[in-house]
Amino acid sequence: MNKYLFGAVMFFTISAFAQKIKEDIPKNWYQLDKATTGYYGISLDKAYAFVKTKNLKSKQVVVAVIDSGIDTLHEDLKPILWTNSKEIPGNGIDDDNNGYIDDVHGWNFLGGKDGRNVKEDSYEGARVYNALKVKYGEEIPDDSTSTASNKAEVAMYKKAKQKIVGDVDQAQIVFLKQLLPGFLKGDSVIAKELSKEEYNCTDLEKYTTTDPNARRTKLFLLQLCKGNNSDDLTNKQIIDELQADIRKADAADNAPKEYRKEIVQDDETNINDRFYGNADIMASTSFHGTHCSGIIAAVRDNDKGINGIADNVRIMMVRAVPDGDEHDKDIANAIRYAVDNGAQIVSMSFGKEFSPNKSWVDDAVKYAESKDVLLVQAAGNDAKNVDSSDNFPTPIYLDNGQKATNWITVGASGDLKNGGITASFSNYGKKNVDVFAPGVQIYSTIPGGKNYGNASGTSMACPVVAGTAAFLLEYYPKLSAKQLKYIIEKSAVAPDIEVNIPGSTEKTHLSELSKSGGLLNAYEAIKLADTLIGDRKQTKGKLPKSIMIKNKQR
């Protein structure tokens, strides 16, 4: 069950996890400097002061955001959208002959040629379980009878069956099914009375109503926010999760609806069938992608909303993430599209437990690696150790067990004033999570042209790292993807106190939860970049000899 809803059920049964109540903190806390403000931010102002003292000029960087879409009309984002200069907007012609018609600011792999778009989708585990149940029947083949070629598939079937059939708590599903209709009635009343289709717990604090359903919905959301130590959960997020968990449970008896097939109409079994979708990157589900994009590059110093991390970036939106689990084919093609159209960094705030076509994604990652493109991924929000639990995509290749050198996996950090240095929901892993970055109560752009709000998740921590990588590349454009990864990890600052293991009250050092053992710090990163760039003989994609020696000693 989803982490948000688990907390909700606990509130209605025994009690939710007790955590420190969040204090009011600055909207830009995640950009602040610990030494001068007390907040565990990334020291961004000090980083900009550093490049100013060096009289450095920035070079524009293209960052692709693979996500749900973006508000292309937002006041803080419209000026920083990537524009395909070879494409004439709206003429219905593929002017640049790249296979995608009118891809002016990016591409939507979840769209149809008729203009319709995929909004929601099923759980990948449900898709895997039902597909393999048709192939193998109800009984999972014994390992001794499995051939070498299908052992991995049989193991995936076993895992999917456990998730779909074995792990489902029917009592909780009955509770959710009973809860949802009343919640939806109350939600419609609240949305109308607040004049907001999407609202969070902060919006509800002073809200009063005489409608009984609205009162119950308000109470439920406030309890949910308290249990998760976050005022940033929105009504839409909770509705999506309620419906997703019900769909997941129903998959034990019924094949999941093929939401994507009817609209996209590609051959989903053929990775070489790449030219599908449409140019609508805003679609109707752009909250997540809009928020992530603003973190990276919202226009700085324009007296509007927020300052993005990087000051000379163009955002390329590649829509491939629905409300539900993404499809491997769409992710693989999104990465390839980003690389082929000039992205130097790709921000990927999504993840799932199953990857039936991981080899397709692996090939796309290898392609990005060969083109020196950095991939930054959110570690996930299940408070689990991803050294021993699956969270796809991963940088470890299926065919050879090697790890991509152009990949950074990001856990979410916070501050002592908003729940603790490690986010209670964040995934972690000493081997497979590279660094922690701010991901709690992150204030950024949201759809509506002039709207801003908070959101929490490793989904927010990922673009904080992507934005910092872009900032480094702007001022030191000769840095390779491998060097960017090295700099961000090597310059991470270890907190001077023990931290909570996410999902528990047990304490440990951050070095036990991540490879770098530290928190992202833009100031330390830019200083390290300055020392490395002095080696003008470095070759693209290769670390200087001195760096390679240091890396081996770690």
Protein backbone atom coordinates (compact mmCIF):
# COMPACT_ATOMS: atom_id res chain seq x y z
CA MET A 1 0.00 0.00 0.00
CA ASN A 2 1.17 3.49 -0.83
CA LYS A 3 3.02 5.30 1.95
CA TYR A 4 0.45 8.13 2.17
CA LEU A 5 -2.51 5.80 2.44
CA PHE A 6 -0.77 3.51 4.89
CA GLY A 7 -0.58 6.51 7.20
CA ALA A 8 -4.25 7.24 6.62
CA VAL A 9 -5.34 3.73 7.49
CA MET A 10 -3.21 3.81 10.62
CA PHE A 11 -4.91 7.02 11.71
CA PHE A 12 -8.26 5.33 11.45
CA THR A 13 -7.10 2.24 13.33
CA ILE A 14 -4.44 2.78 15.95
CA SER A 15 -2.35 5.91 15.43
CA ALA A 16 0.03 7.34 12.90
CA PHE A 17 3.77 7.46 13.29
CA ALA A 18 4.61 10.20 15.78
CA GLN A 19 6.91 12.81 14.30
CA LYS A 20 7.95 16.31 15.17
CA ILE A 21 5.45 18.86 13.89
CA LYS A 22 6.92 20.96 11.11
CA GLU A 23 7.74 24.58 11.84
CA ASP A 24 7.38 27.49 9.47
CA ILE A 25 10.58 27.78 7.49
CA PRO A 26 11.67 30.02 4.59
CA LYS A 27 10.22 29.11 1.21
CA ASN A 28 13.73 28.86 -0.20
CA TRP A 29 15.21 26.97 2.76
CA TYR A 30 16.64 24.33 0.43
CA GLN A 31 18.87 26.90 -1.27
CA LEU A 32 20.26 28.38 1.98
CA ASP A 33 23.62 27.89 3.66
CA LYS A 34 23.87 25.96 6.93
CA ALA A 35 26.73 28.04 8.36
CA THR A 36 25.03 31.41 7.85
CA THR A 37 21.31 30.56 8.24
CA GLY A 38 21.18 27.31 10.19
CA TYR A 39 19.23 25.51 7.44
CA TYR A 40 20.58 22.39 5.75
CA GLY A 41 20.31 23.83 2.22
CA ILE A 42 22.69 23.63 -0.73
CA SER A 43 24.53 26.99 -0.16
CA LEU A 44 23.41 28.29 -3.56
CA ASP A 45 24.04 32.00 -2.94
CA LYS A 46 27.61 31.22 -1.89
CA ALA A 47 28.03 29.22 -5.08
CA TYR A 48 26.90 32.16 -7.21
CA ALA A 49 29.17 34.49 -5.25
CA PHE A 50 32.06 32.14 -6.02
CA VAL A 51 31.55 32.20 -9.80
CA LYS A 52 31.22 35.97 -9.63
CA THR A 53 34.64 36.28 -7.99
CA LYS A 54 36.06 34.15 -10.81
CA ASN A 55 34.47 36.43 -13.46
CA LEU A 56 32.96 33.37 -15.12
CA LYS A 57 30.38 33.62 -17.89
CA SER A 58 27.69 30.97 -18.19
CA LYS A 59 27.01 28.84 -21.23
CA GLN A 60 23.43 27.72 -21.78
CA VAL A 61 22.62 24.14 -20.78
CA VAL A 62 19.66 22.03 -21.93
CA VAL A 63 18.00 19.92 -19.24
CA ALA A 64 15.35 17.39 -20.24
CA VAL A 65 12.67 16.65 -17.65
CA ILE A 66 11.00 13.28 -18.22
CA ASP A 67 7.76 13.73 -16.34
CA SER A 68 3.99 14.33 -16.47
CA GLY A 69 4.04 17.57 -18.47
CA ILE A 70 4.64 21.27 -17.89
CA ASP A 71 2.60 24.47 -17.78
CA THR A 72 4.08 26.12 -20.86
CA LEU A 73 2.34 29.40 -20.04
CA HIS A 74 3.67 29.80 -16.51
CA GLU A 75 5.23 33.22 -15.88
CA ASP A 76 8.40 31.71 -14.36
CA LEU A 77 8.81 28.93 -16.93
CA LYS A 78 7.72 30.27 -20.31
CA PRO A 79 11.02 32.17 -20.83
CA ILE A 80 13.18 29.13 -20.09
CA LEU A 81 11.49 26.51 -22.27
CA TRP A 82 13.76 24.75 -24.74
CA THR A 83 12.77 25.66 -28.28
CA ASN A 84 13.46 23.50 -31.28
CA SER A 85 14.61 26.21 -33.69
CA LYS A 86 14.31 23.89 -36.68
CA GLU A 87 10.60 23.28 -36.11
CA ILE A 88 7.89 25.69 -37.30
CA PRO A 89 5.15 25.73 -34.61
CA GLY A 90 1.74 24.38 -35.50
CA ASN A 91 2.21 23.71 -39.21
CA GLY A 92 1.65 19.96 -38.90
CA ILE A 93 4.96 19.19 -40.61
CA ASP A 94 8.07 17.48 -39.27
CA ASP A 95 10.31 20.35 -40.37
CA ASP A 96 13.52 18.99 -38.88
CA ASN A 97 12.83 15.40 -39.99
CA ASN A 98 13.44 13.94 -36.53
CA GLY A 99 10.23 11.91 -36.66
CA TYR A 100 8.21 14.14 -34.34
CA ILE A 101 5.78 16.68 -35.77
CA ASP A 102 5.71 20.17 -34.16
CA ASP A 103 7.98 19.18 -31.26
CA VAL A 104 8.68 22.82 -30.46
CA HIS A 105 9.33 22.51 -26.71
CA GLY A 106 9.60 18.73 -26.34
CA TRP A 107 7.46 15.66 -26.94
CA ASN A 108 4.58 13.72 -25.38
CA PHE A 109 4.94 9.93 -25.61
CA LEU A 110 1.60 9.54 -23.82
CA GLY A 111 -0.45 11.15 -26.57
CA GLY A 112 -2.39 10.09 -29.60
CA LYS A 113 -2.33 11.51 -33.09
CA ASP A 114 -5.93 12.63 -32.53
CA GLY A 115 -4.84 14.94 -29.71
CA ARG A 116 -6.02 12.79 -26.81
CA ASN A 117 -3.66 12.11 -23.92
CA VAL A 118 -3.16 9.32 -21.39
CA LYS A 119 -3.80 10.61 -17.88
CA GLU A 120 -3.89 7.55 -15.62
CA ASP A 121 -2.43 4.10 -15.96
CA SER A 122 -2.18 0.81 -14.10
CA TYR A 123 0.40 -0.63 -11.71
CA GLU A 124 3.26 -2.36 -13.56
CA GLY A 125 3.10 -5.32 -11.20
CA ALA A 126 -0.50 -5.87 -12.26
CA ARG A 127 0.44 -5.73 -15.93
CA VAL A 128 3.27 -8.21 -15.38
CA TYR A 129 1.18 -10.57 -13.26
CA ASN A 130 -1.70 -10.80 -15.71
CA ALA A 131 0.51 -11.14 -18.79
CA LEU A 132 2.52 -13.97 -17.24
CA LYS A 133 -0.55 -15.64 -15.81
CA VAL A 134 -1.83 -15.99 -19.38
CA LYS A 135 1.53 -17.44 -20.43
CA TYR A 136 2.18 -19.82 -17.53
CA GLY A 137 -1.21 -20.35 -15.92
CA GLU A 138 -2.02 -20.05 -12.22
CA GLU A 139 0.87 -22.25 -11.12
CA ILE A 140 4.34 -20.73 -11.16
CA PRO A 141 6.80 -23.12 -12.87
CA ASP A 142 9.29 -24.83 -10.60
CA ASP A 143 12.86 -23.56 -10.84
CA SER A 144 14.09 -27.04 -11.69
CA THR A 145 11.89 -27.14 -14.79
CA SER A 146 12.61 -23.59 -15.91
CA THR A 147 15.00 -23.07 -18.78
CA ALA A 148 17.91 -20.67 -18.52
CA SER A 149 16.14 -18.28 -20.87
CA ASN A 150 12.98 -17.94 -18.83
CA LYS A 151 14.27 -18.17 -15.24
CA ALA A 152 14.31 -14.38 -14.86
CA GLU A 153 10.77 -14.16 -16.23
CA VAL A 154 9.54 -16.88 -13.87
CA ALA A 155 11.17 -15.08 -10.94
CA MET A 156 9.38 -11.88 -12.01
CA TYR A 157 6.07 -13.76 -12.18
CA LYS A 158 6.62 -15.10 -8.68
CA LYS A 159 7.36 -11.64 -7.34
CA ALA A 160 4.39 -10.08 -9.17
CA LYS A 161 2.00 -12.76 -7.91
CA GLN A 162 3.16 -12.13 -4.34
CA LYS A 163 2.61 -8.39 -4.75
CA ILE A 164 -0.79 -8.68 -6.39
CA VAL A 165 -2.25 -11.68 -4.57
CA GLY A 166 -0.14 -12.31 -1.49
CA ASP A 167 0.47 -8.79 -0.21
CA VAL A 168 -3.04 -7.40 -0.63
CA ASP A 169 -4.82 -6.68 2.64
CA GLN A 170 -8.45 -7.10 1.67
CA ALA A 171 -9.68 -5.40 4.84
CA GLN A 172 -7.75 -2.27 3.92
CA ILE A 173 -9.04 -2.39 0.34
CA VAL A 174 -12.62 -2.65 1.61
CA PHE A 175 -11.90 0.36 3.82
CA LEU A 176 -10.53 2.35 0.86
CA LYS A 177 -13.50 1.48 -1.32
CA GLN A 178 -15.85 2.65 1.40
CA LEU A 179 -13.82 5.79 1.95
CA LEU A 180 -13.45 6.96 -1.64
CA PRO A 181 -17.06 7.95 -2.57
CA GLY A 182 -17.49 10.18 0.48
CA PHE A 183 -14.02 11.62 0.04
CA LEU A 184 -14.83 12.53 -3.57
CA LYS A 185 -18.11 14.20 -2.57
CA GLY A 186 -16.35 16.25 0.07
CA ASP A 187 -13.51 17.05 -2.30
CA SER A 188 -15.86 18.51 -4.91
CA VAL A 189 -17.43 20.78 -2.27
CA ILE A 190 -14.04 21.94 -0.95
CA ALA A 191 -12.69 22.59 -4.45
CA LYS A 192 -15.73 24.70 -5.27
CA GLU A 193 -15.66 26.66 -2.01
CA LEU A 194 -11.90 27.26 -2.19
CA SER A 195 -12.07 27.97 -5.94
CA LYS A 196 -9.16 25.54 -6.35
CA GLU A 197 -9.20 22.23 -8.18
CA GLU A 198 -6.00 21.22 -6.39
CA TYR A 199 -5.40 22.19 -2.77
CA ASN A 200 -3.28 21.04 0.17
CA CYS A 201 -3.46 20.99 3.95
CA THR A 202 -2.21 24.55 4.29
CA ASP A 203 -5.24 25.65 2.27
CA LEU A 204 -7.48 23.74 4.68
CA GLU A 205 -6.16 25.21 7.92
CA LYS A 206 -8.58 28.18 7.93
CA TYR A 207 -11.25 26.57 5.78
CA THR A 208 -14.67 26.04 7.36
CA THR A 209 -17.76 24.43 5.88
CA THR A 210 -21.23 23.27 6.84
CA ASP A 211 -21.15 20.33 4.44
CA PRO A 212 -20.64 17.05 6.37
CA ASN A 213 -18.77 15.31 3.53
CA ALA A 214 -16.44 18.28 3.17
CA ARG A 215 -15.77 18.27 6.92
CA ARG A 216 -14.87 14.57 6.82
CA THR A 217 -12.62 15.06 3.78
CA LYS A 218 -10.89 17.99 5.49
CA LEU A 219 -10.31 15.94 8.65
CA PHE A 220 -8.99 13.00 6.65
CA LEU A 221 -6.51 15.16 4.74
CA LEU A 222 -5.31 17.00 7.83
CA GLN A 223 -4.73 13.72 9.65
CA LEU A 224 -2.95 12.35 6.60
CA CYS A 225 -0.64 15.38 6.44
CA LYS A 226 0.09 15.11 10.14
CA GLY A 227 0.87 11.41 9.89
CA ASN A 228 3.27 12.04 7.01
CA ASN A 229 4.70 15.22 8.56
CA SER A 230 3.86 17.17 5.42
CA ASP A 231 1.39 19.93 4.61
CA ASP A 232 2.20 19.53 0.94
CA LEU A 233 0.00 16.52 0.15
CA THR A 234 -2.75 17.58 -2.23
CA ASN A 235 -6.27 16.30 -2.77
CA LYS A 236 -5.32 15.16 -6.28
CA GLN A 237 -2.36 13.16 -5.02
CA ILE A 238 -4.52 11.36 -2.48
CA ILE A 239 -7.33 10.66 -4.94
CA ASP A 240 -4.82 9.27 -7.43
CA GLU A 241 -3.28 7.03 -4.77
CA LEU A 242 -6.65 5.82 -3.47
CA GLN A 243 -7.72 4.88 -6.97
CA ALA A 244 -4.34 3.34 -7.82
CA ASP A 245 -4.36 1.09 -4.75
CA ILE A 246 -7.90 -0.05 -5.52
CA ARG A 247 -6.92 -0.77 -9.13
CA LYS A 248 -3.87 -2.68 -7.91
CA ALA A 249 -6.00 -4.87 -5.63
CA ASP A 250 -8.57 -5.50 -8.36
CA ALA A 251 -5.78 -6.83 -10.58
CA ALA A 252 -5.76 -10.08 -8.59
CA ASP A 253 -8.99 -11.04 -10.35
CA ASN A 254 -9.12 -8.80 -13.39
CA ALA A 255 -6.57 -7.80 -16.00
CA PRO A 256 -5.79 -4.09 -15.67
CA LYS A 257 -7.38 -1.71 -18.14
CA GLU A 258 -5.12 -0.84 -21.06
CA TYR A 259 -5.33 2.91 -20.62
CA ARG A 260 -2.46 3.64 -22.98
CA LYS A 261 -3.23 1.29 -25.86
CA GLU A 262 -6.44 2.89 -27.10
CA ILE A 263 -5.00 6.40 -27.18
CA VAL A 264 -1.36 5.98 -28.24
CA GLN A 265 -1.99 3.15 -30.73
CA ASP A 266 1.65 2.18 -31.24
CA ASP A 267 3.06 -1.34 -31.22
CA GLU A 268 4.05 -1.51 -27.57
CA THR A 269 5.92 -4.79 -28.14
CA ASN A 270 8.28 -3.15 -30.64
CA ILE A 271 10.91 -0.79 -29.23
CA ASN A 272 11.82 0.27 -32.77
CA ASP A 273 8.33 1.72 -33.25
CA ARG A 274 9.45 5.07 -31.84
CA PHE A 275 7.55 7.76 -33.68
CA TYR A 276 4.29 7.94 -31.75
CA GLY A 277 2.70 10.48 -29.42
CA ASN A 278 1.94 14.17 -29.95
CA ALA A 279 3.35 17.62 -29.19
CA ASP A 280 1.03 18.41 -26.24
CA ILE A 281 3.54 18.59 -23.37
CA MET A 282 1.13 20.45 -21.08
CA ALA A 283 -1.70 17.90 -21.31
CA SER A 284 -3.91 17.86 -18.21
CA THR A 285 -1.54 16.32 -15.65
CA SER A 286 1.27 18.83 -15.47
CA PHE A 287 1.51 19.49 -11.70
CA HIS A 288 4.45 17.20 -11.08
CA GLY A 289 6.50 18.18 -14.11
CA THR A 290 5.78 21.88 -13.62
CA HIS A 291 6.98 21.72 -10.01
CA CYS A 292 10.16 19.82 -10.90
CA SER A 293 10.99 22.16 -13.79
CA GLY A 294 10.69 25.25 -11.61
CA ILE A 295 13.13 23.80 -9.08
CA ILE A 296 15.72 23.42 -11.81
CA ALA A 297 15.36 26.64 -13.74
CA ALA A 298 12.52 29.03 -12.85
CA VAL A 299 13.67 32.47 -13.98
CA ARG A 300 15.99 33.99 -11.40
CA ASP A 301 15.76 37.54 -10.06
CA ASN A 302 12.63 38.53 -11.98
CA ASP A 303 10.67 39.47 -8.82
CA LYS A 304 8.21 36.65 -9.52
CA GLY A 305 7.61 33.52 -7.51
CA ILE A 306 10.88 31.69 -7.04
CA ASN A 307 14.46 31.52 -8.20
CA GLY A 308 15.38 28.28 -9.93
CA ILE A 309 18.75 26.76 -9.11
CA ALA A 310 20.40 27.24 -12.51
CA ASP A 311 20.41 30.65 -14.20
CA ASN A 312 21.02 29.75 -17.84
CA VAL A 313 19.03 26.61 -18.60
CA ARG A 314 16.43 25.62 -21.16
CA ILE A 315 13.92 22.97 -20.06
CA MET A 316 12.95 20.29 -22.57
CA MET A 317 9.81 18.52 -21.38
CA VAL A 318 9.43 14.89 -22.41
CA ARG A 319 6.08 13.60 -21.21
CA ALA A 320 6.24 9.88 -20.39
CA VAL A 321 4.93 9.57 -16.80
CA PRO A 322 1.18 9.06 -16.20
CA ASP A 323 -0.77 8.88 -12.94
CA GLY A 324 0.30 5.29 -12.40
CA ASP A 325 3.33 3.31 -13.50
CA GLU A 326 5.22 4.41 -16.58
CA HIS A 327 5.94 1.97 -19.42
CA ASP A 328 9.53 0.93 -20.15
CA LYS A 329 9.13 1.67 -23.83
CA ASP A 330 8.09 5.27 -23.18
CA ILE A 331 10.99 5.85 -20.77
CA ALA A 332 13.52 4.37 -23.19
CA ASN A 333 12.24 6.51 -26.04
CA ALA A 334 12.05 9.60 -23.83
CA ILE A 335 15.73 9.23 -22.92
CA ARG A 336 16.66 8.76 -26.57
CA TYR A 337 14.58 11.76 -27.63
CA ALA A 338 16.26 13.93 -24.99
CA VAL A 339 19.74 12.86 -26.06
CA ASP A 340 19.07 13.19 -29.79
CA ASN A 341 17.70 16.69 -29.37
CA GLY A 342 20.57 18.12 -27.39
CA ALA A 343 19.84 17.56 -23.70
CA GLN A 344 23.01 17.44 -21.60
CA ILE A 345 21.27 16.48 -18.35
CA VAL A 346 18.09 14.43 -17.87
CA SER A 347 15.99 14.69 -14.70
CA MET A 348 13.93 11.55 -13.96
CA SER A 349 11.50 11.79 -11.04
CA PHE A 350 9.67 8.48 -11.36
CA GLY A 351 10.04 4.85 -10.38
CA LYS A 352 8.32 1.48 -10.04
CA GLU A 353 8.87 -2.03 -8.66
CA PHE A 354 8.88 -3.94 -11.96
CA SER A 355 10.64 -3.42 -15.29
CA PRO A 356 9.63 -6.17 -17.73
CA ASN A 357 11.54 -4.53 -20.59
CA LYS A 358 14.53 -3.26 -18.65
CA SER A 359 16.86 -4.10 -21.53
CA TRP A 360 15.15 -1.40 -23.61
CA VAL A 361 15.81 1.17 -20.90
CA ASP A 362 19.37 -0.14 -20.46
CA ASP A 363 20.06 0.38 -24.15
CA ALA A 364 18.80 3.96 -23.90
CA VAL A 365 20.98 4.58 -20.83
CA LYS A 366 24.00 3.19 -22.69
CA TYR A 367 23.15 5.50 -25.56
CA ALA A 368 23.06 8.49 -23.19
CA GLU A 369 26.33 7.32 -21.67
CA SER A 370 27.95 7.17 -25.11
CA LYS A 371 26.78 10.73 -25.79
CA ASP A 372 28.06 12.04 -22.43
CA VAL A 373 24.60 12.88 -21.04
CA LEU A 374 24.06 12.84 -17.26
CA LEU A 375 20.98 11.03 -15.92
CA VAL A 376 19.62 12.01 -12.49
CA GLN A 377 17.01 9.76 -10.86
CA ALA A 378 14.77 9.99 -7.79
CA ALA A 379 15.44 7.13 -5.35
CA GLY A 380 11.75 6.62 -4.51
CA ASN A 381 9.40 7.32 -1.61
CA ASP A 382 8.81 3.98 0.12
CA ALA A 383 11.29 4.34 3.01
CA LYS A 384 13.02 1.18 1.82
CA ASN A 385 16.61 0.09 1.25
CA VAL A 386 17.11 -0.06 -2.51
CA ASP A 387 20.29 -2.08 -2.05
CA SER A 388 17.96 -5.00 -1.34
CA SER A 389 14.63 -3.86 -2.85
CA ASP A 390 13.74 -3.07 -6.44
CA ASN A 391 13.08 0.46 -7.65
CA PHE A 392 13.31 0.86 -11.41
CA PRO A 393 14.89 2.23 -13.49
CA THR A 394 18.33 1.34 -12.20
CA PRO A 395 21.83 2.09 -13.54
CA ILE A 396 22.90 -1.56 -13.29
CA TYR A 397 22.83 -3.20 -16.71
CA LEU A 398 21.12 -6.57 -17.07
CA ASP A 399 23.52 -7.98 -19.63
CA ASN A 400 26.80 -7.46 -17.78
CA GLY A 401 26.03 -6.30 -14.23
CA GLN A 402 28.03 -3.12 -14.78
CA LYS A 403 26.86 0.25 -13.49
CA ALA A 404 26.29 3.24 -15.75
CA THR A 405 28.91 5.93 -15.12
CA ASN A 406 26.56 8.78 -16.06
CA TRP A 407 23.86 8.17 -13.42
CA ILE A 408 23.11 9.76 -10.04
CA THR A 409 20.43 8.35 -7.71
CA VAL A 410 19.08 10.88 -5.20
CA GLY A 411 17.53 10.44 -1.76
CA ALA A 412 15.50 13.20 -0.10
CA SER A 413 16.76 15.30 2.79
CA GLY A 414 15.03 17.87 4.97
CA ASP A 415 15.92 20.08 7.89
CA LEU A 416 15.65 19.68 11.65
CA LYS A 417 12.79 22.20 11.51
CA ASN A 418 10.69 20.23 9.02
CA GLY A 419 10.98 16.65 10.21
CA GLY A 420 14.67 15.77 10.19
CA ILE A 421 17.72 15.66 7.95
CA THR A 422 16.56 12.49 6.21
CA ALA A 423 13.02 12.60 4.83
CA SER A 424 10.85 10.01 6.57
CA PHE A 425 9.62 8.70 3.21
CA SER A 426 12.91 8.55 1.30
CA ASN A 427 14.42 5.37 -0.05
CA TYR A 428 18.07 4.86 0.83
CA GLY A 429 20.99 2.53 0.11
CA LYS A 430 24.69 2.58 0.92
CA LYS A 431 25.50 1.21 -2.53
CA ASN A 432 22.70 2.46 -4.75
CA VAL A 433 21.76 5.92 -3.48
CA ASP A 434 24.54 8.34 -4.38
CA VAL A 435 23.62 11.49 -2.48
CA PHE A 436 20.82 13.10 -0.47
CA ALA A 437 19.38 16.48 -1.50
CA PRO A 438 16.50 18.66 -0.25
CA GLY A 439 13.12 17.07 -0.94
CA VAL A 440 10.85 18.18 1.92
CA GLN A 441 8.59 21.21 1.68
CA ILE A 442 10.07 22.42 -1.60
CA TYR A 443 8.41 25.57 -2.92
CA SER A 444 8.17 25.80 -6.70
CA THR A 445 6.00 26.52 -9.72
CA ILE A 446 2.62 24.80 -10.11
CA PRO A 447 0.10 24.98 -12.97
CA GLY A 448 -2.06 28.06 -13.35
CA GLY A 449 0.21 30.61 -14.96
CA LYS A 450 1.16 32.43 -11.78
CA ASN A 451 0.79 29.75 -9.11
CA TYR A 452 3.36 28.40 -6.65
CA GLY A 453 3.24 25.82 -3.90
CA ASN A 454 5.05 23.19 -1.83
CA ALA A 455 5.58 19.55 -2.62
CA SER A 456 7.70 16.84 -1.03
CA GLY A 457 9.37 13.71 -2.33
CA THR A 458 12.53 12.36 -3.85
CA SER A 459 10.82 13.71 -6.97
CA MET A 460 11.81 17.16 -5.69
CA ALA A 461 15.29 16.13 -4.56
CA CYS A 462 16.09 14.83 -8.05
CA PRO A 463 15.66 18.21 -9.83
CA VAL A 464 17.61 19.92 -7.04
CA VAL A 465 20.57 17.74 -8.07
CA ALA A 466 19.81 18.12 -11.80
CA GLY A 467 19.67 21.90 -11.37
CA THR A 468 22.96 21.91 -9.49
CA ALA A 469 24.59 19.76 -12.17
CA ALA A 470 23.32 22.23 -14.78
CA PHE A 471 24.73 25.14 -12.77
CA LEU A 472 28.16 23.42 -12.70
CA LEU A 473 28.03 22.71 -16.42
CA GLU A 474 27.02 26.29 -17.25
CA TYR A 475 30.18 27.71 -15.72
CA TYR A 476 32.49 24.78 -16.49
CA PRO A 477 31.15 23.53 -19.83
CA LYS A 478 34.05 21.13 -20.44
CA LEU A 479 32.97 18.89 -17.57
CA SER A 480 31.86 15.42 -18.63
CA ALA A 481 28.87 13.54 -17.22
CA LYS A 482 31.25 11.32 -15.28
CA GLN A 483 32.99 14.35 -13.82
CA LEU A 484 29.69 15.97 -12.83
CA LYS A 485 28.75 12.79 -10.99
CA TYR A 486 32.14 12.67 -9.27
CA ILE A 487 31.97 16.34 -8.22
CA ILE A 488 28.45 16.12 -6.80
CA GLU A 489 29.26 13.01 -4.77
CA LYS A 490 32.76 14.02 -3.66
CA SER A 491 31.68 17.51 -2.55
CA ALA A 492 28.64 16.32 -0.57
CA VAL A 493 28.75 17.55 3.02
CA ALA A 494 28.27 15.01 5.81
CA PRO A 495 25.89 16.26 8.53
CA ASP A 496 27.50 16.66 11.95
CA ILE A 497 24.82 14.57 13.65
CA GLU A 498 23.30 11.12 13.29
CA VAL A 499 20.14 10.91 11.18
CA ASN A 500 16.99 8.81 11.22
CA ILE A 501 16.82 5.74 9.05
CA PRO A 502 13.79 6.68 6.91
CA GLY A 503 10.60 5.08 8.13
CA SER A 504 11.91 4.55 11.65
CA THR A 505 13.22 6.36 14.70
CA GLU A 506 16.50 4.43 14.62
CA LYS A 507 19.59 6.59 14.19
CA THR A 508 22.65 6.09 12.02
CA HIS A 509 25.23 8.04 10.03
CA LEU A 510 24.30 9.19 6.56
CA SER A 511 27.28 7.19 5.28
CA GLU A 512 25.23 4.06 6.04
CA LEU A 513 22.36 5.33 3.88
CA SER A 514 24.16 6.55 0.78
CA LYS A 515 27.34 6.12 -1.23
CA SER A 516 28.64 9.65 -0.64
CA GLY A 517 27.46 9.83 2.97
CA GLY A 518 26.57 13.47 2.48
CA LEU A 519 24.13 16.19 1.49
CA LEU A 520 24.32 18.03 -1.82
CA ASN A 521 26.19 21.33 -1.58
CA ALA A 522 26.41 23.60 -4.62
CA TYR A 523 29.14 25.80 -3.12
CA GLU A 524 31.48 22.90 -2.35
CA ALA A 525 30.66 21.42 -5.76
CA ILE A 526 31.53 24.56 -7.72
CA LYS A 527 34.79 24.94 -5.77
CA LEU A 528 35.74 21.36 -6.62
CA ALA A 529 34.78 21.89 -10.26
CA ASP A 530 37.11 24.88 -10.38
CA THR A 531 40.05 22.79 -9.16
CA LEU A 532 39.39 20.02 -11.68
CA ILE A 533 38.89 22.20 -14.72
CA GLY A 534 42.47 23.39 -14.35
CA ASP A 535 43.56 20.17 -16.03
CA ARG A 536 42.98 21.35 -19.61
CA LYS A 537 44.30 18.07 -21.01
CA GLN A 538 41.32 16.12 -19.73
CA THR A 539 39.41 14.28 -22.42
CA LYS A 540 35.67 14.26 -22.77
CA GLY A 541 34.05 11.54 -20.69
CA LYS A 542 37.29 10.76 -18.84
CA LEU A 543 38.39 11.80 -15.37
CA PRO A 544 41.83 13.33 -14.92
CA LYS A 545 44.32 10.81 -13.55
CA SER A 546 44.41 12.49 -10.14
CA ILE A 547 40.65 12.18 -9.80
CA MET A 548 40.67 8.53 -10.74
CA ILE A 549 43.25 7.83 -8.04
CA LYS A 550 41.19 9.63 -5.42
CA ASN A 551 38.07 7.78 -6.49
CA LYS A 552 39.77 4.40 -6.04
CA GLN A 553 40.79 5.30 -2.50
CA ARG A 554 37.27 6.07 -1.36
